[in-house]
Protein backbone atom coordinates (compact mmCIF):
# COMPACT_ATOMS: atom_id res chain seq x y z
CA MET A 1 1.48 1.62 -4.06
CA LYS A 2 0.25 4.34 -1.70
CA ARG A 3 0.41 7.89 -2.96
CA ARG A 4 2.44 10.05 -0.57
CA SER A 5 2.38 13.37 -2.45
CA PHE A 6 0.94 14.50 -5.77
CA ALA A 7 0.77 18.10 -6.97
CA THR A 8 0.22 19.87 -10.28
CA THR A 9 1.42 23.41 -10.98
CA PHE A 10 0.75 25.50 -14.07
CA CYS A 11 3.60 27.95 -14.73
CA VAL A 12 3.98 30.99 -16.96
CA SER A 13 7.41 32.63 -17.19
CA PRO A 14 7.88 36.18 -18.52
CA SER A 15 11.41 35.23 -19.62
CA ARG A 16 9.93 32.86 -22.18
CA THR A 17 7.63 35.40 -23.85
CA ARG A 18 7.57 34.88 -27.60
CA ARG A 19 7.49 37.41 -30.44
CA ASN A 20 3.70 37.37 -30.46
CA GLY A 21 3.73 38.66 -26.87
CA LEU A 22 2.45 35.38 -25.45
CA SER A 23 4.13 33.04 -22.95
CA PRO A 24 3.64 29.26 -22.94
CA ILE A 25 1.75 27.67 -20.06
CA ASN A 26 3.68 24.67 -18.76
CA LEU A 27 2.55 21.98 -16.36
CA THR A 28 4.90 20.76 -13.62
CA ILE A 29 4.04 17.38 -12.08
CA SER A 30 5.36 16.62 -8.59
CA TYR A 31 4.93 13.03 -7.45
CA ASN A 32 6.54 11.43 -4.38
CA GLY A 33 9.63 13.60 -4.63
CA SER A 34 10.05 13.35 -8.42
CA ARG A 35 9.33 16.21 -10.86
CA ALA A 36 8.59 16.44 -14.56
CA THR A 37 7.48 19.31 -16.80
CA MET A 38 5.41 19.29 -19.97
CA SER A 39 3.77 21.82 -22.25
CA THR A 40 0.02 22.38 -22.04
CA GLY A 41 -0.10 23.54 -25.64
CA ARG A 42 -1.61 26.88 -24.61
CA GLN A 43 -0.20 30.44 -24.45
CA VAL A 44 -1.24 33.57 -22.58
CA LYS A 45 -0.10 37.15 -21.99
CA PHE A 46 1.95 37.14 -18.81
CA GLU A 47 -0.07 40.02 -17.32
CA ASP A 48 -3.28 38.01 -17.84
CA TRP A 49 -2.02 35.04 -15.82
CA ASP A 50 -3.20 34.62 -12.21
CA ASN A 51 -0.36 32.64 -10.68
CA LYS A 52 -2.08 32.26 -7.30
CA ARG A 53 -5.28 30.78 -8.76
CA GLN A 54 -3.43 28.92 -11.55
CA ARG A 55 -5.69 30.25 -14.29
CA VAL A 56 -6.16 33.01 -16.86
CA ARG A 57 -7.81 36.16 -15.52
CA GLY A 58 -11.12 37.30 -16.91
CA SER A 59 -14.19 35.61 -18.40
CA SER A 60 -13.66 36.10 -22.12
CA ASP A 61 -14.29 33.16 -24.44
CA GLU A 62 -10.54 32.74 -24.92
CA ALA A 63 -9.83 32.82 -21.16
CA ASN A 64 -12.61 30.31 -20.46
CA ALA A 65 -11.37 27.99 -23.22
CA ILE A 66 -7.82 27.98 -21.81
CA ASN A 67 -9.02 27.48 -18.23
CA ASP A 68 -11.28 24.61 -19.29
CA HIS A 69 -8.35 23.02 -21.10
CA LEU A 70 -6.12 23.28 -18.00
CA GLN A 71 -8.82 21.72 -15.82
CA LEU A 72 -9.20 18.92 -18.36
CA LEU A 73 -5.46 18.27 -18.23
CA ARG A 74 -5.53 18.06 -14.44
CA THR A 75 -8.46 15.62 -14.54
CA ARG A 76 -6.77 13.53 -17.21
CA LEU A 77 -3.60 13.40 -15.12
CA TYR A 78 -5.47 11.84 -12.19
CA ASP A 79 -7.13 9.37 -14.57
CA LYS A 80 -3.72 8.37 -15.94
CA GLU A 81 -2.41 7.89 -12.42
CA ASN A 82 -5.24 5.44 -11.66
CA GLU A 83 -4.63 3.62 -14.94
CA LEU A 84 -0.92 3.23 -14.23
CA LEU A 85 -1.52 1.99 -10.68
CA GLU A 86 -4.06 -0.56 -11.92
CA ARG A 87 -1.52 -1.84 -14.44
CA GLY A 88 1.02 -2.38 -11.68
CA TYR A 89 3.38 0.54 -12.24
CA ILE A 90 5.38 2.20 -9.50
CA VAL A 91 4.34 5.72 -10.50
CA ASN A 92 6.66 8.70 -10.67
CA ALA A 93 6.43 12.10 -12.35
CA ASN A 94 8.21 11.01 -15.54
CA ILE A 95 5.93 8.01 -16.06
CA LEU A 96 2.88 10.24 -15.51
CA ARG A 97 4.20 12.72 -18.08
CA ASP A 98 4.79 9.89 -20.58
CA ALA A 99 1.24 8.67 -19.98
CA MET A 100 -0.14 12.16 -20.61
CA LEU A 101 1.84 12.40 -23.85
CA ASP A 102 0.49 9.00 -24.98
CA ARG A 103 3.91 7.44 -25.30
CA ILE A 104 2.65 3.96 -26.00
CA ASP A 105 5.90 2.19 -25.17
CA THR A 106 5.56 3.23 -21.55
CA LEU A 107 1.98 2.02 -21.16
CA GLN A 108 2.24 -1.15 -23.25
CA ALA A 109 5.49 -2.47 -21.83
CA LYS A 110 5.20 -6.08 -20.69
CA SER A 111 4.77 -6.83 -17.03
CA LEU A 112 6.91 -9.22 -15.01
CA MET A 113 4.18 -11.74 -14.22
CA GLN A 114 2.82 -11.59 -17.78
CA LEU A 115 6.22 -12.63 -19.11
CA PHE A 116 6.59 -15.21 -16.33
CA ARG A 117 3.25 -16.78 -17.33
CA GLU A 118 4.38 -16.96 -20.95
CA TYR A 119 7.64 -18.58 -19.83
CA LEU A 120 5.68 -21.04 -17.69
CA ALA A 121 3.44 -21.96 -20.63
CA ASP A 122 6.49 -22.61 -22.84
CA ARG A 123 8.10 -24.82 -20.18
CA LYS A 124 4.82 -26.75 -19.80
CA SER A 125 4.94 -27.52 -23.52
CA ASP A 126 8.54 -28.65 -23.08
CA MET A 127 7.48 -30.96 -20.26
CA GLU A 128 4.64 -32.44 -22.32
CA CYS A 129 7.11 -33.09 -25.15
CA GLY A 130 9.57 -34.72 -22.77
CA LYS A 131 12.20 -31.98 -23.11
CA ILE A 132 12.21 -31.23 -19.39
CA ALA A 133 11.24 -33.30 -16.35
CA LYS A 134 8.02 -32.74 -14.43
CA ASP A 135 10.05 -31.85 -11.34
CA THR A 136 11.75 -29.06 -13.30
CA TYR A 137 8.38 -27.64 -14.34
CA THR A 138 7.11 -27.90 -10.77
CA ASN A 139 10.11 -25.85 -9.60
CA ILE A 140 9.26 -23.15 -12.16
CA GLU A 141 5.65 -23.11 -10.98
CA ARG A 142 6.84 -22.72 -7.41
CA ALA A 143 9.18 -19.86 -8.36
CA TYR A 144 6.25 -18.09 -10.04
CA GLU A 145 4.17 -18.44 -6.86
CA LEU A 146 7.03 -17.12 -4.72
CA VAL A 147 7.54 -14.02 -6.90
CA LEU A 148 3.79 -13.37 -6.70
CA MET A 149 3.90 -13.72 -2.90
CA TYR A 150 6.81 -11.29 -2.76
CA LEU A 151 5.01 -8.68 -4.89
CA LYS A 152 1.96 -8.83 -2.63
CA HIS A 153 4.11 -8.69 0.50
CA ARG A 154 6.45 -5.87 -0.57
CA TYR A 155 4.36 -3.80 -2.99
CA LYS A 156 0.77 -4.80 -2.09
CA ARG A 157 0.00 -5.72 -5.70
CA SER A 158 0.14 -8.71 -7.99
CA ASP A 159 2.31 -7.45 -10.87
CA MET A 160 4.78 -4.80 -11.92
CA ALA A 161 6.25 -3.44 -15.14
CA LEU A 162 9.48 -5.02 -16.32
CA LEU A 163 10.91 -1.50 -16.58
CA GLU A 164 10.65 -1.19 -12.79
CA LEU A 165 13.01 -4.10 -12.09
CA ASN A 166 16.39 -3.26 -10.62
CA HIS A 167 19.13 -4.69 -8.41
CA SER A 168 17.20 -3.73 -5.26
CA PHE A 169 14.20 -5.80 -6.38
CA ILE A 170 16.35 -8.91 -6.80
CA ALA A 171 18.21 -8.43 -3.51
CA SER A 172 14.97 -7.84 -1.59
CA PHE A 173 13.36 -10.91 -3.18
CA HIS A 174 16.34 -12.96 -2.02
CA THR A 175 15.94 -11.59 1.52
CA PHE A 176 12.21 -12.41 1.38
CA LEU A 177 12.97 -16.04 0.51
CA LEU A 178 15.48 -16.38 3.34
CA ASN A 179 13.64 -14.50 6.07
CA ASN A 180 9.93 -14.65 5.26
CA ARG A 181 9.83 -18.05 3.59
CA LYS A 182 12.51 -19.48 5.93
CA MET A 183 14.48 -21.02 3.05
CA LYS A 184 18.05 -22.20 3.16
CA GLN A 185 20.47 -20.47 0.80
CA ASN A 186 20.66 -23.34 -1.70
CA THR A 187 16.86 -23.64 -1.84
CA SER A 188 16.50 -19.92 -2.52
CA VAL A 189 19.05 -20.20 -5.33
CA LYS A 190 16.64 -22.39 -7.32
CA SER A 191 14.00 -19.66 -7.45
CA LEU A 192 16.55 -16.94 -8.14
CA ARG A 193 17.95 -18.87 -11.10
CA ILE A 194 14.49 -19.42 -12.53
CA LEU A 195 13.69 -15.70 -12.18
CA LYS A 196 16.99 -14.95 -13.91
CA GLN A 197 15.96 -17.20 -16.82
CA VAL A 198 12.74 -15.18 -17.18
CA ILE A 199 14.74 -11.92 -17.10
CA ASN A 200 17.09 -13.32 -19.76
CA VAL A 201 14.05 -13.82 -22.02
CA ALA A 202 13.05 -10.19 -21.43
CA LEU A 203 16.56 -9.05 -22.34
CA ALA A 204 16.69 -11.23 -25.45
CA ASP A 205 13.31 -9.90 -26.64
CA ARG A 206 14.40 -6.32 -25.80
CA HIS A 207 11.66 -5.74 -23.25
CA LEU A 208 14.56 -4.75 -20.98
CA THR A 209 17.77 -2.95 -21.87
CA THR A 210 19.50 -3.30 -18.49
CA ASN A 211 19.93 -6.53 -16.54
CA PRO A 212 18.79 -6.27 -12.87
CA PHE A 213 20.90 -9.38 -12.16
CA ALA A 214 24.06 -7.71 -13.55
CA LYS A 215 25.70 -7.10 -10.17
CA PHE A 216 23.88 -9.76 -8.17
CA LYS A 217 25.78 -12.98 -7.52
CA ILE A 218 23.80 -16.18 -7.07
CA GLN A 219 25.99 -18.32 -4.86
CA ARG A 220 25.34 -21.78 -3.51
CA GLU A 221 26.66 -22.83 -0.12
CA VAL A 222 29.09 -25.72 -0.09
CA VAL A 223 27.47 -28.54 1.85
CA GLU A 224 29.36 -31.59 3.04
CA ARG A 225 27.21 -34.64 2.57
CA ASP A 226 27.44 -37.73 4.75
CA PHE A 227 27.74 -41.20 3.21
CA LEU A 228 24.59 -43.28 3.06
CA THR A 229 24.22 -46.03 5.63
CA HIS A 230 23.73 -49.63 4.52
CA ASP A 231 20.02 -49.44 5.43
CA GLU A 232 19.55 -46.17 3.47
CA LEU A 233 21.23 -47.72 0.44
CA GLU A 234 19.00 -50.80 0.66
CA CYS A 235 15.95 -48.54 0.89
CA ILE A 236 16.89 -46.80 -2.37
CA ILE A 237 17.63 -50.11 -4.12
CA ASN A 238 14.26 -51.59 -3.14
CA HIS A 239 12.15 -48.49 -3.67
CA SER A 240 9.63 -48.57 -6.54
CA PHE A 241 9.80 -45.29 -8.48
CA SER A 242 6.89 -43.84 -10.46
CA THR A 243 8.76 -43.37 -13.75
CA SER A 244 11.38 -45.26 -15.72
CA ARG A 245 13.51 -42.11 -15.77
CA LEU A 246 13.80 -42.17 -11.99
CA GLU A 247 14.47 -45.91 -12.06
CA GLN A 248 17.38 -45.27 -14.46
CA ALA A 249 18.69 -42.45 -12.27
CA ARG A 250 18.61 -44.80 -9.26
CA ASP A 251 20.51 -47.48 -11.15
CA VAL A 252 23.21 -45.01 -12.24
CA PHE A 253 23.53 -43.75 -8.67
CA ILE A 254 23.87 -47.27 -7.25
CA LEU A 255 26.43 -48.31 -9.87
CA LYS A 256 28.59 -45.29 -9.00
């Protein structure tokens, strides 16, 4: 994600002066149009605050200590921004504030592709145990690859926090499958349903509290199929399949 605007402002308000004659110094974070405010944990006399230079006037030990602390906060804020971007977050002012306040839930939330990999590993075990077909597992693998392609195409990164998912993400992914990957509607539905299964796991495990698929309808197109010709039917009857399961499916199809 490219940073468009990022500003930090330290504020001291005379209307919030406390009984000890000191006013709290607050930090306002402005990031890409979003704003959030937090306390710096420091106080100063309002008349000692240089609003233009964003620092305490003078060179006393106390003034220097407060100014050093404010500079440290600003540096830490930029470090937290880099950390969040590296972890795949779409950063806004509130997330930056949470990071500064060490709210672990925000930073340790599972990512989409992390959960998808776990889901993929579970389905691989199911395949090895015979619970699902190899073709089903291959479809899940393909859906994983498509979501990864979409993230790189749309967001220029390879992962994102589950908390960032919303209806727009799902709708745009669908458009990506249809337009960029040139899929037909019914082919795109396969990947959408697999992604929905992964999201359902996130909801069940309480990694998500809102369902991004809630107002998104996955609809298949009704396709009229032609009858097989005699030659096509003979080809299916005489074909040698790689597994007994497919042989059985062929026999059931022919008997119908």
